[in-house]
Amino acid sequence: MSISSLARSSPSNLISSFRPVILIAAAAVACSATSAMAQPVQWLTSAGGNGNFFEVVTTSSNISWPAARDAAGLRVFGSNVGRLACPSTAPLDLFIRQLAATTPNAFTAITFQNNDWSGPWIGALQPAGSPEPAGGWTWTNGDTWNFTNWLAGEPNQGGNSGQNEPNIHLFARSGAITAGRIAWNDLAATGSIFPVRSYVVEYIIPSPSAAALLGLGGLLAARRRR
């Protein structure tokens, strides 16, 4: 259609004429946005994993541990709700460290401390009143606490700062960020000493038997409503 023809067209004709262009442009934007988003990574059962999906979520500013916990619980992948990841075993801890090491902006440089690296929150909590500094630690998902990967000298309950440090984030000394150089550091829930701008999310994938039971429950509920 020529420009002169468009000028004589009604508004509805104009919209119809440009609709294919609009749809193509919208599709291009959607594809671009999707490709720019990092996708959760599955810890494959064939590699000894639990079949769940994990991702490191980065933020533009500092985030506290409670805010990260709540944000993780609001994230959804497919139909699966997220939670803060709990590296409660050596293989899972290694998987999470590898994922964090390869996620852009997962670590923030601590410029006032030799350019060490402050990394994402994980789902660990030391309840108030626990023996300091290493007593009472728990995983927020209920896993048994029988594995640790503390940075040398940690946990230290803030050292000389006197701060209460009831949560854990990943940490790496200055230099290259590799899985082998990442360990755990206890930190105040606000992250007030070191900047924390990321957190690790785990999406629970139901086992085939659990999924079958859920499907059966839905079918029975639908029949009762008839």
C-alpha atoms as a PDB file:
ATOM      1  CA  MET A   1       0.000   0.000   0.000  1.00  0.00           C
ATOM      2  CA  SER A   2       1.391   3.391  -0.933  1.00  0.00           C
ATOM      3  CA  ILE A   3       1.782   6.310   1.476  1.00  0.00           C
ATOM      4  CA  SER A   4      -0.925   8.249  -0.393  1.00  0.00           C
ATOM      5  CA  SER A   5      -3.300   5.288  -0.110  1.00  0.00           C
ATOM      6  CA  LEU A   6      -2.581   5.037   3.595  1.00  0.00           C
ATOM      7  CA  ALA A   7      -3.345   8.705   4.026  1.00  0.00           C
ATOM      8  CA  ARG A   8      -6.828   8.161   2.581  1.00  0.00           C
ATOM      9  CA  SER A   9      -7.459   5.016   4.652  1.00  0.00           C
ATOM     10  CA  SER A  10      -9.646   4.863   7.727  1.00  0.00           C
ATOM     11  CA  PRO A  11      -7.952   4.397  11.136  1.00  0.00           C
ATOM     12  CA  SER A  12      -9.102   0.753  11.207  1.00  0.00           C
ATOM     13  CA  ASN A  13      -7.509   0.115   7.821  1.00  0.00           C
ATOM     14  CA  LEU A  14      -4.307   1.739   8.997  1.00  0.00           C
ATOM     15  CA  ILE A  15      -4.163  -0.536  12.047  1.00  0.00           C
ATOM     16  CA  SER A  16      -4.820  -3.599   9.879  1.00  0.00           C
ATOM     17  CA  SER A  17      -2.091  -2.564   7.474  1.00  0.00           C
ATOM     18  CA  PHE A  18       0.537  -2.225  10.173  1.00  0.00           C
ATOM     19  CA  ARG A  19      -0.604  -5.207  12.298  1.00  0.00           C
ATOM     20  CA  PRO A  20       1.790  -7.744  10.673  1.00  0.00           C
ATOM     21  CA  VAL A  21       4.702  -5.370  11.218  1.00  0.00           C
ATOM     22  CA  ILE A  22       3.678  -4.832  14.854  1.00  0.00           C
ATOM     23  CA  LEU A  23       3.363  -8.570  15.457  1.00  0.00           C
ATOM     24  CA  ILE A  24       6.761  -9.279  13.897  1.00  0.00           C
ATOM     25  CA  ALA A  25       8.380  -6.532  15.975  1.00  0.00           C
ATOM     26  CA  ALA A  26       6.757  -7.812  19.145  1.00  0.00           C
ATOM     27  CA  ALA A  27       7.914 -11.340  18.428  1.00  0.00           C
ATOM     28  CA  ALA A  28      11.456 -10.102  17.849  1.00  0.00           C
ATOM     29  CA  VAL A  29      11.465  -8.243  21.157  1.00  0.00           C
ATOM     30  CA  ALA A  30      10.092 -11.307  22.985  1.00  0.00           C
ATOM     31  CA  CYS A  31      12.748 -13.568  21.471  1.00  0.00           C
ATOM     32  CA  SER A  32      15.463 -11.074  22.347  1.00  0.00           C
ATOM     33  CA  ALA A  33      14.235 -10.815  25.951  1.00  0.00           C
ATOM     34  CA  THR A  34      14.037 -14.592  26.293  1.00  0.00           C
ATOM     35  CA  SER A  35      17.518 -15.179  24.937  1.00  0.00           C
ATOM     36  CA  ALA A  36      18.915 -12.508  27.262  1.00  0.00           C
ATOM     37  CA  MET A  37      17.460 -14.197  30.346  1.00  0.00           C
ATOM     38  CA  ALA A  38      19.574 -16.832  32.093  1.00  0.00           C
ATOM     39  CA  GLN A  39      17.741 -20.125  32.324  1.00  0.00           C
ATOM     40  CA  PRO A  40      17.833 -22.312  35.442  1.00  0.00           C
ATOM     41  CA  VAL A  41      20.243 -25.241  35.168  1.00  0.00           C
ATOM     42  CA  GLN A  42      19.244 -28.797  36.059  1.00  0.00           C
ATOM     43  CA  TRP A  43      21.368 -30.926  38.354  1.00  0.00           C
ATOM     44  CA  LEU A  44      20.942 -34.080  36.318  1.00  0.00           C
ATOM     45  CA  THR A  45      20.238 -37.388  38.009  1.00  0.00           C
ATOM     46  CA  SER A  46      22.538 -39.011  35.459  1.00  0.00           C
ATOM     47  CA  ALA A  47      25.347 -36.918  36.964  1.00  0.00           C
ATOM     48  CA  GLY A  48      24.420 -37.883  40.514  1.00  0.00           C
ATOM     49  CA  GLY A  49      22.072 -34.946  41.040  1.00  0.00           C
ATOM     50  CA  ASN A  50      18.561 -34.640  42.442  1.00  0.00           C
ATOM     51  CA  GLY A  51      16.909 -33.569  39.172  1.00  0.00           C
ATOM     52  CA  ASN A  52      16.032 -30.103  40.494  1.00  0.00           C
ATOM     53  CA  PHE A  53      16.786 -26.837  38.722  1.00  0.00           C
ATOM     54  CA  PHE A  54      19.033 -24.099  40.117  1.00  0.00           C
ATOM     55  CA  GLU A  55      19.837 -20.510  39.237  1.00  0.00           C
ATOM     56  CA  VAL A  56      21.823 -17.625  40.664  1.00  0.00           C
ATOM     57  CA  VAL A  57      19.667 -14.505  40.696  1.00  0.00           C
ATOM     58  CA  THR A  58      21.535 -11.184  40.625  1.00  0.00           C
ATOM     59  CA  THR A  59      20.254  -7.843  41.889  1.00  0.00           C
ATOM     60  CA  SER A  60      21.174  -4.262  41.029  1.00  0.00           C
ATOM     61  CA  SER A  61      21.745  -3.351  44.682  1.00  0.00           C
ATOM     62  CA  ASN A  62      22.471  -5.053  47.993  1.00  0.00           C
ATOM     63  CA  ILE A  63      19.892  -7.567  49.196  1.00  0.00           C
ATOM     64  CA  SER A  64      19.466  -8.864  52.747  1.00  0.00           C
ATOM     65  CA  TRP A  65      19.187 -12.546  53.571  1.00  0.00           C
ATOM     66  CA  PRO A  66      15.495 -12.307  54.600  1.00  0.00           C
ATOM     67  CA  ALA A  67      14.689 -10.426  51.390  1.00  0.00           C
ATOM     68  CA  ALA A  68      16.558 -13.038  49.323  1.00  0.00           C
ATOM     69  CA  ARG A  69      14.702 -15.864  51.099  1.00  0.00           C
ATOM     70  CA  ASP A  70      11.349 -14.205  50.399  1.00  0.00           C
ATOM     71  CA  ALA A  71      12.257 -13.372  46.791  1.00  0.00           C
ATOM     72  CA  ALA A  72      13.354 -16.955  46.147  1.00  0.00           C
ATOM     73  CA  GLY A  73       9.978 -18.190  47.431  1.00  0.00           C
ATOM     74  CA  LEU A  74       8.177 -15.966  44.938  1.00  0.00           C
ATOM     75  CA  ARG A  75      10.098 -17.205  41.906  1.00  0.00           C
ATOM     76  CA  VAL A  76       8.501 -19.825  39.661  1.00  0.00           C
ATOM     77  CA  PHE A  77      10.061 -21.999  36.952  1.00  0.00           C
ATOM     78  CA  GLY A  78       7.414 -23.857  34.992  1.00  0.00           C
ATOM     79  CA  SER A  79       4.983 -24.780  37.744  1.00  0.00           C
ATOM     80  CA  ASN A  80       7.713 -25.195  40.347  1.00  0.00           C
ATOM     81  CA  VAL A  81       8.161 -22.677  43.168  1.00  0.00           C
ATOM     82  CA  GLY A  82      11.648 -21.662  44.236  1.00  0.00           C
ATOM     83  CA  ARG A  83      13.440 -21.537  47.561  1.00  0.00           C
ATOM     84  CA  LEU A  84      16.933 -20.616  48.709  1.00  0.00           C
ATOM     85  CA  ALA A  85      19.281 -23.410  47.730  1.00  0.00           C
ATOM     86  CA  CYS A  86      20.847 -25.462  50.531  1.00  0.00           C
ATOM     87  CA  PRO A  87      24.207 -27.053  49.593  1.00  0.00           C
ATOM     88  CA  SER A  88      23.871 -29.713  52.265  1.00  0.00           C
ATOM     89  CA  THR A  89      26.132 -32.290  50.581  1.00  0.00           C
ATOM     90  CA  ALA A  90      29.556 -32.083  48.970  1.00  0.00           C
ATOM     91  CA  PRO A  91      28.297 -32.882  45.429  1.00  0.00           C
ATOM     92  CA  LEU A  92      25.511 -30.291  45.616  1.00  0.00           C
ATOM     93  CA  ASP A  93      27.880 -27.718  47.092  1.00  0.00           C
ATOM     94  CA  LEU A  94      30.269 -28.254  44.175  1.00  0.00           C
ATOM     95  CA  PHE A  95      27.424 -27.932  41.657  1.00  0.00           C
ATOM     96  CA  ILE A  96      26.278 -24.655  43.226  1.00  0.00           C
ATOM     97  CA  ARG A  97      29.825 -23.281  43.373  1.00  0.00           C
ATOM     98  CA  GLN A  98      30.321 -24.120  39.695  1.00  0.00           C
ATOM     99  CA  LEU A  99      27.042 -22.424  38.816  1.00  0.00           C
ATOM    100  CA  ALA A 100      27.891 -19.325  40.852  1.00  0.00           C
ATOM    101  CA  ALA A 101      31.389 -19.088  39.394  1.00  0.00           C
ATOM    102  CA  THR A 102      29.996 -18.993  35.851  1.00  0.00           C
ATOM    103  CA  THR A 103      27.095 -16.596  36.503  1.00  0.00           C
ATOM    104  CA  PRO A 104      27.924 -12.991  35.509  1.00  0.00           C
ATOM    105  CA  ASN A 105      27.759 -10.491  38.395  1.00  0.00           C
ATOM    106  CA  ALA A 106      27.106 -13.183  41.004  1.00  0.00           C
ATOM    107  CA  PHE A 107      30.076 -11.838  42.984  1.00  0.00           C
ATOM    108  CA  THR A 108      30.767  -8.254  44.032  1.00  0.00           C
ATOM    109  CA  ALA A 109      34.281  -6.977  44.655  1.00  0.00           C
ATOM    110  CA  ILE A 110      35.012  -5.926  48.249  1.00  0.00           C
ATOM    111  CA  THR A 111      37.149  -2.934  47.389  1.00  0.00           C
ATOM    112  CA  PHE A 112      38.154  -2.190  50.979  1.00  0.00           C
ATOM    113  CA  GLN A 113      39.392  -5.764  51.560  1.00  0.00           C
ATOM    114  CA  ASN A 114      41.965  -6.720  48.943  1.00  0.00           C
ATOM    115  CA  ASN A 115      39.267  -7.033  46.258  1.00  0.00           C
ATOM    116  CA  ASP A 116      37.942 -10.262  47.746  1.00  0.00           C
ATOM    117  CA  TRP A 117      34.629 -11.402  46.271  1.00  0.00           C
ATOM    118  CA  SER A 118      31.275 -11.395  48.090  1.00  0.00           C
ATOM    119  CA  GLY A 119      28.877 -13.897  46.547  1.00  0.00           C
ATOM    120  CA  PRO A 120      25.273 -15.086  46.763  1.00  0.00           C
ATOM    121  CA  TRP A 121      23.192 -16.009  49.784  1.00  0.00           C
ATOM    122  CA  ILE A 122      22.345 -19.661  50.441  1.00  0.00           C
ATOM    123  CA  GLY A 123      19.665 -21.177  52.688  1.00  0.00           C
ATOM    124  CA  ALA A 124      21.563 -21.457  55.968  1.00  0.00           C
ATOM    125  CA  LEU A 125      20.444 -20.059  59.315  1.00  0.00           C
ATOM    126  CA  GLN A 126      21.868 -19.987  62.837  1.00  0.00           C
ATOM    127  CA  PRO A 127      18.969 -19.506  65.274  1.00  0.00           C
ATOM    128  CA  ALA A 128      19.322 -16.924  68.026  1.00  0.00           C
ATOM    129  CA  GLY A 129      20.929 -18.303  71.173  1.00  0.00           C
ATOM    130  CA  SER A 130      23.011 -20.922  69.356  1.00  0.00           C
ATOM    131  CA  PRO A 131      26.551 -21.575  70.641  1.00  0.00           C
ATOM    132  CA  GLU A 132      28.913 -19.262  68.779  1.00  0.00           C
ATOM    133  CA  PRO A 133      30.375 -19.345  66.310  1.00  0.00           C
ATOM    134  CA  ALA A 134      29.767 -22.820  64.856  1.00  0.00           C
ATOM    135  CA  GLY A 135      26.818 -24.192  66.820  1.00  0.00           C
ATOM    136  CA  GLY A 136      23.192 -24.625  65.841  1.00  0.00           C
ATOM    137  CA  TRP A 137      23.479 -24.058  62.096  1.00  0.00           C
ATOM    138  CA  THR A 138      20.510 -25.400  60.119  1.00  0.00           C
ATOM    139  CA  TRP A 139      19.348 -25.660  56.533  1.00  0.00           C
ATOM    140  CA  THR A 140      16.113 -23.854  55.755  1.00  0.00           C
ATOM    141  CA  ASN A 141      14.836 -26.832  53.748  1.00  0.00           C
ATOM    142  CA  GLY A 142      15.154 -29.184  56.720  1.00  0.00           C
ATOM    143  CA  ASP A 143      18.168 -31.160  55.482  1.00  0.00           C
ATOM    144  CA  THR A 144      20.511 -32.571  58.125  1.00  0.00           C
ATOM    145  CA  TRP A 145      23.498 -30.355  58.892  1.00  0.00           C
ATOM    146  CA  ASN A 146      26.387 -32.796  58.482  1.00  0.00           C
ATOM    147  CA  PHE A 147      28.489 -31.119  55.785  1.00  0.00           C
ATOM    148  CA  THR A 148      30.307 -27.754  55.786  1.00  0.00           C
ATOM    149  CA  ASN A 149      32.595 -25.856  53.437  1.00  0.00           C
ATOM    150  CA  TRP A 150      33.738 -22.917  55.543  1.00  0.00           C
ATOM    151  CA  LEU A 151      36.335 -20.444  54.375  1.00  0.00           C
ATOM    152  CA  ALA A 152      39.514 -20.744  56.449  1.00  0.00           C
ATOM    153  CA  GLY A 153      38.914 -19.030  59.793  1.00  0.00           C
ATOM    154  CA  GLU A 154      35.132 -19.092  59.449  1.00  0.00           C
ATOM    155  CA  PRO A 155      32.622 -18.959  60.958  1.00  0.00           C
ATOM    156  CA  ASN A 156      33.896 -16.185  63.214  1.00  0.00           C
ATOM    157  CA  GLN A 157      30.757 -14.284  64.260  1.00  0.00           C
ATOM    158  CA  GLY A 158      32.051 -11.092  62.686  1.00  0.00           C
ATOM    159  CA  GLY A 159      35.557 -11.341  64.094  1.00  0.00           C
ATOM    160  CA  ASN A 160      36.354  -8.040  65.753  1.00  0.00           C
ATOM    161  CA  SER A 161      33.271  -6.288  64.376  1.00  0.00           C
ATOM    162  CA  GLY A 162      31.030  -7.634  67.126  1.00  0.00           C
ATOM    163  CA  GLN A 163      28.207  -8.210  64.640  1.00  0.00           C
ATOM    164  CA  ASN A 164      25.796 -11.117  64.859  1.00  0.00           C
ATOM    165  CA  GLU A 165      26.248 -13.250  61.722  1.00  0.00           C
ATOM    166  CA  PRO A 166      23.430 -15.820  61.496  1.00  0.00           C
ATOM    167  CA  ASN A 167      23.476 -16.459  57.730  1.00  0.00           C
ATOM    168  CA  ILE A 168      25.844 -17.720  55.043  1.00  0.00           C
ATOM    169  CA  HIS A 169      26.907 -16.471  51.627  1.00  0.00           C
ATOM    170  CA  LEU A 170      29.490 -17.702  49.137  1.00  0.00           C
ATOM    171  CA  PHE A 171      32.868 -15.991  49.228  1.00  0.00           C
ATOM    172  CA  ALA A 172      36.114 -16.039  47.236  1.00  0.00           C
ATOM    173  CA  ARG A 173      39.474 -14.488  47.955  1.00  0.00           C
ATOM    174  CA  SER A 174      40.867 -11.952  45.483  1.00  0.00           C
ATOM    175  CA  GLY A 175      41.816 -13.244  42.072  1.00  0.00           C
ATOM    176  CA  ALA A 176      39.966 -15.422  39.605  1.00  0.00           C
ATOM    177  CA  ILE A 177      36.525 -16.652  40.656  1.00  0.00           C
ATOM    178  CA  THR A 178      36.576 -20.426  40.242  1.00  0.00           C
ATOM    179  CA  ALA A 179      34.537 -23.136  41.931  1.00  0.00           C
ATOM    180  CA  GLY A 180      37.624 -24.389  43.727  1.00  0.00           C
ATOM    181  CA  ARG A 181      38.254 -20.987  45.332  1.00  0.00           C
ATOM    182  CA  ILE A 182      34.691 -20.450  46.601  1.00  0.00           C
ATOM    183  CA  ALA A 183      33.737 -21.300  50.181  1.00  0.00           C
ATOM    184  CA  TRP A 184      31.247 -20.235  52.874  1.00  0.00           C
ATOM    185  CA  ASN A 185      31.355 -17.135  55.039  1.00  0.00           C
ATOM    186  CA  ASP A 186      28.989 -16.272  57.867  1.00  0.00           C
ATOM    187  CA  LEU A 187      27.493 -12.804  57.577  1.00  0.00           C
ATOM    188  CA  ALA A 188      24.937 -10.503  59.187  1.00  0.00           C
ATOM    189  CA  ALA A 189      21.466 -10.883  57.683  1.00  0.00           C
ATOM    190  CA  THR A 190      21.655  -7.360  56.284  1.00  0.00           C
ATOM    191  CA  GLY A 191      25.000  -8.040  54.619  1.00  0.00           C
ATOM    192  CA  SER A 192      26.173  -4.832  56.276  1.00  0.00           C
ATOM    193  CA  ILE A 193      29.879  -5.709  56.270  1.00  0.00           C
ATOM    194  CA  PHE A 194      30.129  -7.035  52.707  1.00  0.00           C
ATOM    195  CA  PRO A 195      27.896  -6.241  49.723  1.00  0.00           C
ATOM    196  CA  VAL A 196      25.654  -9.157  48.667  1.00  0.00           C
ATOM    197  CA  ARG A 197      23.844  -8.741  45.349  1.00  0.00           C
ATOM    198  CA  SER A 198      22.761 -12.265  44.468  1.00  0.00           C
ATOM    199  CA  TYR A 199      21.178 -15.436  45.836  1.00  0.00           C
ATOM    200  CA  VAL A 200      20.900 -19.077  44.767  1.00  0.00           C
ATOM    201  CA  VAL A 201      17.443 -20.499  44.025  1.00  0.00           C
ATOM    202  CA  GLU A 202      16.427 -24.158  43.826  1.00  0.00           C
ATOM    203  CA  TYR A 203      13.255 -25.264  42.020  1.00  0.00           C
ATOM    204  CA  ILE A 204      11.911 -28.569  43.295  1.00  0.00           C
ATOM    205  CA  ILE A 205      10.874 -30.993  40.541  1.00  0.00           C
ATOM    206  CA  PRO A 206       8.402 -33.611  41.862  1.00  0.00           C
ATOM    207  CA  SER A 207       9.479 -37.226  41.466  1.00  0.00           C
ATOM    208  CA  PRO A 208       7.440 -39.257  38.931  1.00  0.00           C
ATOM    209  CA  SER A 209       5.606 -41.024  41.777  1.00  0.00           C
ATOM    210  CA  ALA A 210       4.799 -37.737  43.498  1.00  0.00           C
ATOM    211  CA  ALA A 211       3.643 -36.192  40.219  1.00  0.00           C
ATOM    212  CA  ALA A 212       1.408 -39.211  39.596  1.00  0.00           C
ATOM    213  CA  LEU A 213      -0.142 -38.852  43.048  1.00  0.00           C
ATOM    214  CA  LEU A 214      -0.740 -35.152  42.446  1.00  0.00           C
ATOM    215  CA  GLY A 215      -2.406 -35.946  39.133  1.00  0.00           C
ATOM    216  CA  LEU A 216      -4.581 -38.618  40.727  1.00  0.00           C
ATOM    217  CA  GLY A 217      -5.610 -36.212  43.475  1.00  0.00           C
ATOM    218  CA  GLY A 218      -6.627 -33.626  40.905  1.00  0.00           C
ATOM    219  CA  LEU A 219      -8.629 -36.205  38.948  1.00  0.00           C
ATOM    220  CA  LEU A 220     -10.506 -37.365  42.060  1.00  0.00           C
ATOM    221  CA  ALA A 221     -11.229 -33.763  43.059  1.00  0.00           C
ATOM    222  CA  ALA A 222     -12.606 -33.048  39.579  1.00  0.00           C
ATOM    223  CA  ARG A 223     -14.887 -36.102  39.747  1.00  0.00           C
ATOM    224  CA  ARG A 224     -16.267 -35.028  43.126  1.00  0.00           C
ATOM    225  CA  ARG A 225     -17.226 -31.657  41.689  1.00  0.00           C
ATOM    226  CA  ARG A 226     -19.342 -33.283  38.967  1.00  0.00           C
END
